[in-house]
Amino acid sequence: MSLTKRQSGCKRQRGTSLLEVLITIIILAFGLLGLAGLQAKIQLAETESFQRAQAMLLLSDMVQRFSANSADAATYVAAAALVGTDDAPLGNCTGSGAARDVCEWRNALKGAGEKTGSANTGAMLGGRGCVTQVQVPDPSPGVCLPGVYRVTVVWQGLSPTAAPSLTCGQGAYDPDTTRRAMAALVTVGLPNCI
């Protein structure tokens, strides 16, 4: 009698190991889906980080050029009100001073420094730059206010965030919450002020 009970107990347990394997496969599938989602987010963050690094290099380049040639501050403001993706095609930068600096910066914002085939790939997506005057210099005796200028680089981010308060490139990205911006202030002293 005990023999038949054991056989009937074995019959009831048939398929339980198959059920355990099925549950394990389902849990593993959810884990792999989570891993794939994490990989996609990592790739997005890596691209955003690369673009931010490129923007920092281009911003630093223009700030150094502006500081080295600060006597032509007004030329930078006039020539670089908004340059980059949407303006004139790549230029042959043959001028000198501020005009050459702005031309080379415009080409760099368009990614001319690196090419893949015939496409420019050396910059951010939709890179643009602006040079604006924040404070007008005042050499009046007793006042001596230096000129203050803002150099800004903007680009197209991959995911929406809060829209930056800087106006450079505003309305050029759809939606504006994908616009990223980075800026630096440059102060141009007055040599004759004491």
C-alpha atoms as a PDB file:
ATOM      1  CA  MET A   1       0.000   0.000   0.000  1.00  0.00           C
ATOM      2  CA  SER A   2       2.803   2.420   0.758  1.00  0.00           C
ATOM      3  CA  LEU A   3       4.190   1.681  -2.682  1.00  0.00           C
ATOM      4  CA  THR A   4       1.044   2.892  -4.432  1.00  0.00           C
ATOM      5  CA  LYS A   5       0.960   6.049  -2.346  1.00  0.00           C
ATOM      6  CA  ARG A   6       4.468   6.874  -3.404  1.00  0.00           C
ATOM      7  CA  GLN A   7       3.595   6.392  -7.045  1.00  0.00           C
ATOM      8  CA  SER A   8       0.542   8.607  -6.819  1.00  0.00           C
ATOM      9  CA  GLY A   9       2.646  11.281  -5.019  1.00  0.00           C
ATOM     10  CA  CYS A  10       5.111  11.217  -7.916  1.00  0.00           C
ATOM     11  CA  LYS A  11       2.299  11.615 -10.400  1.00  0.00           C
ATOM     12  CA  ARG A  12       1.134  14.794  -8.686  1.00  0.00           C
ATOM     13  CA  GLN A  13       4.612  16.343  -8.888  1.00  0.00           C
ATOM     14  CA  ARG A  14       5.026  15.904 -12.615  1.00  0.00           C
ATOM     15  CA  GLY A  15       5.576  19.237 -14.383  1.00  0.00           C
ATOM     16  CA  THR A  16       6.654  21.201 -11.307  1.00  0.00           C
ATOM     17  CA  SER A  17      10.268  21.404 -12.483  1.00  0.00           C
ATOM     18  CA  LEU A  18       9.000  22.596 -15.866  1.00  0.00           C
ATOM     19  CA  LEU A  19       7.000  25.314 -14.098  1.00  0.00           C
ATOM     20  CA  GLU A  20      10.115  26.367 -12.164  1.00  0.00           C
ATOM     21  CA  VAL A  21      12.067  26.626 -15.423  1.00  0.00           C
ATOM     22  CA  LEU A  22       9.276  28.739 -16.972  1.00  0.00           C
ATOM     23  CA  ILE A  23       9.259  31.136 -13.987  1.00  0.00           C
ATOM     24  CA  THR A  24      13.064  31.390 -14.150  1.00  0.00           C
ATOM     25  CA  ILE A  25      12.899  32.234 -17.868  1.00  0.00           C
ATOM     26  CA  ILE A  26      10.282  34.952 -17.206  1.00  0.00           C
ATOM     27  CA  ILE A  27      12.388  36.496 -14.421  1.00  0.00           C
ATOM     28  CA  LEU A  28      15.482  36.347 -16.627  1.00  0.00           C
ATOM     29  CA  ALA A  29      13.577  37.988 -19.514  1.00  0.00           C
ATOM     30  CA  PHE A  30      12.532  40.913 -17.278  1.00  0.00           C
ATOM     31  CA  GLY A  31      16.123  41.259 -16.087  1.00  0.00           C
ATOM     32  CA  LEU A  32      17.422  41.348 -19.666  1.00  0.00           C
ATOM     33  CA  LEU A  33      14.798  43.947 -20.632  1.00  0.00           C
ATOM     34  CA  GLY A  34      15.916  46.083 -17.694  1.00  0.00           C
ATOM     35  CA  LEU A  35      19.538  45.684 -18.756  1.00  0.00           C
ATOM     36  CA  ALA A  36      18.682  46.729 -22.335  1.00  0.00           C
ATOM     37  CA  GLY A  37      16.868  49.822 -21.012  1.00  0.00           C
ATOM     38  CA  LEU A  38      19.853  50.688 -18.835  1.00  0.00           C
ATOM     39  CA  GLN A  39      22.193  50.305 -21.820  1.00  0.00           C
ATOM     40  CA  ALA A  40      20.028  52.695 -23.867  1.00  0.00           C
ATOM     41  CA  LYS A  41      20.102  55.294 -21.065  1.00  0.00           C
ATOM     42  CA  ILE A  42      23.878  54.930 -20.731  1.00  0.00           C
ATOM     43  CA  GLN A  43      24.314  55.514 -24.465  1.00  0.00           C
ATOM     44  CA  LEU A  44      22.096  58.624 -24.286  1.00  0.00           C
ATOM     45  CA  ALA A  45      24.082  59.964 -21.319  1.00  0.00           C
ATOM     46  CA  GLU A  46      27.358  59.284 -23.140  1.00  0.00           C
ATOM     47  CA  THR A  47      26.203  61.245 -26.195  1.00  0.00           C
ATOM     48  CA  GLU A  48      25.006  64.153 -24.021  1.00  0.00           C
ATOM     49  CA  SER A  49      28.356  64.130 -22.204  1.00  0.00           C
ATOM     50  CA  PHE A  50      30.297  64.164 -25.487  1.00  0.00           C
ATOM     51  CA  GLN A  51      28.254  67.112 -26.741  1.00  0.00           C
ATOM     52  CA  ARG A  52      28.802  69.004 -23.478  1.00  0.00           C
ATOM     53  CA  ALA A  53      32.565  68.420 -23.726  1.00  0.00           C
ATOM     54  CA  GLN A  54      32.603  69.661 -27.336  1.00  0.00           C
ATOM     55  CA  ALA A  55      30.626  72.758 -26.332  1.00  0.00           C
ATOM     56  CA  MET A  56      33.070  73.467 -23.506  1.00  0.00           C
ATOM     57  CA  LEU A  57      36.018  73.265 -25.917  1.00  0.00           C
ATOM     58  CA  LEU A  58      34.367  75.591 -28.442  1.00  0.00           C
ATOM     59  CA  LEU A  59      33.361  78.051 -25.710  1.00  0.00           C
ATOM     60  CA  SER A  60      36.876  78.068 -24.274  1.00  0.00           C
ATOM     61  CA  ASP A  61      38.356  78.566 -27.753  1.00  0.00           C
ATOM     62  CA  MET A  62      36.220  81.627 -28.462  1.00  0.00           C
ATOM     63  CA  VAL A  63      36.794  83.124 -24.991  1.00  0.00           C
ATOM     64  CA  GLN A  64      40.562  82.844 -25.521  1.00  0.00           C
ATOM     65  CA  ARG A  65      40.332  84.384 -29.000  1.00  0.00           C
ATOM     66  CA  PHE A  66      38.136  87.204 -27.680  1.00  0.00           C
ATOM     67  CA  SER A  67      40.476  87.903 -24.755  1.00  0.00           C
ATOM     68  CA  ALA A  68      43.540  87.946 -27.012  1.00  0.00           C
ATOM     69  CA  ASN A  69      41.928  90.388 -29.443  1.00  0.00           C
ATOM     70  CA  SER A  70      39.771  92.433 -27.043  1.00  0.00           C
ATOM     71  CA  ALA A  71      40.435  95.713 -28.877  1.00  0.00           C
ATOM     72  CA  ASP A  72      38.019  94.443 -31.563  1.00  0.00           C
ATOM     73  CA  ALA A  73      35.223  93.608 -29.095  1.00  0.00           C
ATOM     74  CA  ALA A  74      32.588  95.458 -31.131  1.00  0.00           C
ATOM     75  CA  THR A  75      33.532  93.442 -34.235  1.00  0.00           C
ATOM     76  CA  TYR A  76      32.968  90.162 -32.355  1.00  0.00           C
ATOM     77  CA  VAL A  77      29.523  91.330 -31.228  1.00  0.00           C
ATOM     78  CA  ALA A  78      28.528  92.433 -34.737  1.00  0.00           C
ATOM     79  CA  ALA A  79      29.944  89.370 -36.524  1.00  0.00           C
ATOM     80  CA  ALA A  80      28.855  86.703 -34.039  1.00  0.00           C
ATOM     81  CA  ALA A  81      25.339  87.755 -33.035  1.00  0.00           C
ATOM     82  CA  LEU A  82      24.264  84.190 -33.965  1.00  0.00           C
ATOM     83  CA  VAL A  83      26.536  81.866 -35.932  1.00  0.00           C
ATOM     84  CA  GLY A  84      26.568  78.138 -36.512  1.00  0.00           C
ATOM     85  CA  THR A  85      24.274  75.576 -38.058  1.00  0.00           C
ATOM     86  CA  ASP A  86      21.774  77.784 -39.898  1.00  0.00           C
ATOM     87  CA  ASP A  87      23.951  80.568 -41.254  1.00  0.00           C
ATOM     88  CA  ALA A  88      26.256  80.688 -44.284  1.00  0.00           C
ATOM     89  CA  PRO A  89      27.990  77.510 -45.506  1.00  0.00           C
ATOM     90  CA  LEU A  90      31.502  76.674 -44.357  1.00  0.00           C
ATOM     91  CA  GLY A  91      33.719  79.614 -45.067  1.00  0.00           C
ATOM     92  CA  ASN A  92      37.272  80.007 -46.235  1.00  0.00           C
ATOM     93  CA  CYS A  93      38.679  81.983 -43.305  1.00  0.00           C
ATOM     94  CA  THR A  94      41.118  84.294 -45.048  1.00  0.00           C
ATOM     95  CA  GLY A  95      40.443  87.499 -43.098  1.00  0.00           C
ATOM     96  CA  SER A  96      42.305  88.623 -40.020  1.00  0.00           C
ATOM     97  CA  GLY A  97      41.566  89.489 -36.404  1.00  0.00           C
ATOM     98  CA  ALA A  98      38.005  89.190 -35.175  1.00  0.00           C
ATOM     99  CA  ALA A  99      36.580  88.348 -38.621  1.00  0.00           C
ATOM    100  CA  ARG A 100      38.905  85.350 -38.935  1.00  0.00           C
ATOM    101  CA  ASP A 101      38.196  84.235 -35.347  1.00  0.00           C
ATOM    102  CA  VAL A 102      34.430  84.321 -35.922  1.00  0.00           C
ATOM    103  CA  CYS A 103      34.778  82.493 -39.267  1.00  0.00           C
ATOM    104  CA  GLU A 104      36.866  79.714 -37.696  1.00  0.00           C
ATOM    105  CA  TRP A 105      34.464  79.483 -34.730  1.00  0.00           C
ATOM    106  CA  ARG A 106      31.503  79.260 -37.143  1.00  0.00           C
ATOM    107  CA  ASN A 107      33.191  76.394 -39.007  1.00  0.00           C
ATOM    108  CA  ALA A 108      34.002  74.624 -35.726  1.00  0.00           C
ATOM    109  CA  LEU A 109      30.369  74.969 -34.558  1.00  0.00           C
ATOM    110  CA  LYS A 110      29.369  73.249 -37.797  1.00  0.00           C
ATOM    111  CA  GLY A 111      31.741  70.362 -37.056  1.00  0.00           C
ATOM    112  CA  ALA A 112      34.292  71.102 -39.777  1.00  0.00           C
ATOM    113  CA  GLY A 113      37.142  69.825 -37.613  1.00  0.00           C
ATOM    114  CA  GLU A 114      36.201  66.174 -38.185  1.00  0.00           C
ATOM    115  CA  LYS A 115      34.523  64.478 -41.126  1.00  0.00           C
ATOM    116  CA  THR A 116      32.922  61.097 -41.711  1.00  0.00           C
ATOM    117  CA  GLY A 117      32.681  60.729 -45.464  1.00  0.00           C
ATOM    118  CA  SER A 118      31.460  64.138 -46.601  1.00  0.00           C
ATOM    119  CA  ALA A 119      29.523  64.922 -43.393  1.00  0.00           C
ATOM    120  CA  ASN A 120      30.909  67.201 -40.679  1.00  0.00           C
ATOM    121  CA  THR A 121      30.848  65.283 -37.394  1.00  0.00           C
ATOM    122  CA  GLY A 122      33.229  67.208 -35.147  1.00  0.00           C
ATOM    123  CA  ALA A 123      30.717  69.200 -33.094  1.00  0.00           C
ATOM    124  CA  MET A 124      27.420  69.059 -31.288  1.00  0.00           C
ATOM    125  CA  LEU A 125      24.033  68.565 -32.938  1.00  0.00           C
ATOM    126  CA  GLY A 126      22.763  71.912 -34.206  1.00  0.00           C
ATOM    127  CA  GLY A 127      25.649  73.887 -32.693  1.00  0.00           C
ATOM    128  CA  ARG A 128      25.281  77.659 -32.591  1.00  0.00           C
ATOM    129  CA  GLY A 129      27.186  80.462 -30.912  1.00  0.00           C
ATOM    130  CA  CYS A 130      26.524  84.049 -29.864  1.00  0.00           C
ATOM    131  CA  VAL A 131      28.623  86.950 -28.626  1.00  0.00           C
ATOM    132  CA  THR A 132      26.597  89.663 -26.878  1.00  0.00           C
ATOM    133  CA  GLN A 133      27.461  92.788 -24.952  1.00  0.00           C
ATOM    134  CA  VAL A 134      26.315  92.729 -21.326  1.00  0.00           C
ATOM    135  CA  GLN A 135      27.834  96.014 -20.133  1.00  0.00           C
ATOM    136  CA  VAL A 136      28.943  98.951 -22.263  1.00  0.00           C
ATOM    137  CA  PRO A 137      32.424 100.222 -21.349  1.00  0.00           C
ATOM    138  CA  ASP A 138      32.457 103.688 -19.791  1.00  0.00           C
ATOM    139  CA  PRO A 139      35.892 105.365 -19.695  1.00  0.00           C
ATOM    140  CA  SER A 140      34.536 108.531 -18.011  1.00  0.00           C
ATOM    141  CA  PRO A 141      36.801 109.858 -15.250  1.00  0.00           C
ATOM    142  CA  GLY A 142      35.736 108.479 -11.899  1.00  0.00           C
ATOM    143  CA  VAL A 143      33.515 105.794 -13.503  1.00  0.00           C
ATOM    144  CA  CYS A 144      35.841 103.500 -15.479  1.00  0.00           C
ATOM    145  CA  LEU A 145      33.420 100.631 -16.157  1.00  0.00           C
ATOM    146  CA  PRO A 146      34.972  97.832 -18.225  1.00  0.00           C
ATOM    147  CA  GLY A 147      33.102  96.234 -21.104  1.00  0.00           C
ATOM    148  CA  VAL A 148      31.509  92.889 -20.271  1.00  0.00           C
ATOM    149  CA  TYR A 149      30.622  90.412 -23.013  1.00  0.00           C
ATOM    150  CA  ARG A 150      28.901  87.019 -22.956  1.00  0.00           C
ATOM    151  CA  VAL A 151      30.108  84.227 -25.226  1.00  0.00           C
ATOM    152  CA  THR A 152      27.470  81.483 -25.510  1.00  0.00           C
ATOM    153  CA  VAL A 153      27.386  78.072 -27.181  1.00  0.00           C
ATOM    154  CA  VAL A 154      24.047  76.287 -27.649  1.00  0.00           C
ATOM    155  CA  TRP A 155      23.213  72.888 -29.117  1.00  0.00           C
ATOM    156  CA  GLN A 156      20.425  70.342 -29.561  1.00  0.00           C
ATOM    157  CA  GLY A 157      20.106  67.919 -26.653  1.00  0.00           C
ATOM    158  CA  LEU A 158      18.627  64.457 -27.085  1.00  0.00           C
ATOM    159  CA  SER A 159      16.005  64.584 -24.337  1.00  0.00           C
ATOM    160  CA  PRO A 160      13.951  67.483 -22.972  1.00  0.00           C
ATOM    161  CA  THR A 161      14.957  69.315 -19.783  1.00  0.00           C
ATOM    162  CA  ALA A 162      14.230  72.817 -18.511  1.00  0.00           C
ATOM    163  CA  ALA A 163      14.842  75.442 -21.202  1.00  0.00           C
ATOM    164  CA  PRO A 164      17.895  77.615 -20.448  1.00  0.00           C
ATOM    165  CA  SER A 165      17.312  81.271 -19.601  1.00  0.00           C
ATOM    166  CA  LEU A 166      19.963  82.468 -22.076  1.00  0.00           C
ATOM    167  CA  THR A 167      18.461  83.820 -25.296  1.00  0.00           C
ATOM    168  CA  CYS A 168      21.100  82.531 -27.734  1.00  0.00           C
ATOM    169  CA  GLY A 169      19.415  80.099 -30.129  1.00  0.00           C
ATOM    170  CA  GLN A 170      16.019  80.577 -28.506  1.00  0.00           C
ATOM    171  CA  GLY A 171      13.257  79.290 -30.768  1.00  0.00           C
ATOM    172  CA  ALA A 172      15.717  77.478 -33.044  1.00  0.00           C
ATOM    173  CA  TYR A 173      15.162  74.073 -31.435  1.00  0.00           C
ATOM    174  CA  ASP A 174      11.884  72.205 -31.353  1.00  0.00           C
ATOM    175  CA  PRO A 175      11.000  71.928 -28.550  1.00  0.00           C
ATOM    176  CA  ASP A 176      13.029  74.626 -26.793  1.00  0.00           C
ATOM    177  CA  THR A 177      13.443  72.273 -23.817  1.00  0.00           C
ATOM    178  CA  THR A 178      15.997  70.295 -25.848  1.00  0.00           C
ATOM    179  CA  ARG A 179      18.206  73.399 -26.203  1.00  0.00           C
ATOM    180  CA  ARG A 180      21.378  73.215 -24.113  1.00  0.00           C
ATOM    181  CA  ALA A 181      23.455  76.316 -23.388  1.00  0.00           C
ATOM    182  CA  MET A 182      26.844  77.120 -21.935  1.00  0.00           C
ATOM    183  CA  ALA A 183      28.169  80.660 -21.486  1.00  0.00           C
ATOM    184  CA  ALA A 184      31.152  82.585 -20.162  1.00  0.00           C
ATOM    185  CA  LEU A 185      31.600  86.271 -19.388  1.00  0.00           C
ATOM    186  CA  VAL A 186      34.619  88.127 -20.739  1.00  0.00           C
ATOM    187  CA  THR A 187      35.620  91.435 -19.163  1.00  0.00           C
ATOM    188  CA  VAL A 188      37.565  93.875 -21.316  1.00  0.00           C
ATOM    189  CA  GLY A 189      39.419  96.413 -19.223  1.00  0.00           C
ATOM    190  CA  LEU A 190      40.011 100.039 -20.096  1.00  0.00           C
ATOM    191  CA  PRO A 191      43.744 100.755 -20.423  1.00  0.00           C
ATOM    192  CA  ASN A 192      43.451 104.499 -19.744  1.00  0.00           C
ATOM    193  CA  CYS A 193      41.389 104.231 -16.550  1.00  0.00           C
ATOM    194  CA  ILE A 194      42.975 104.431 -13.134  1.00  0.00           C
END
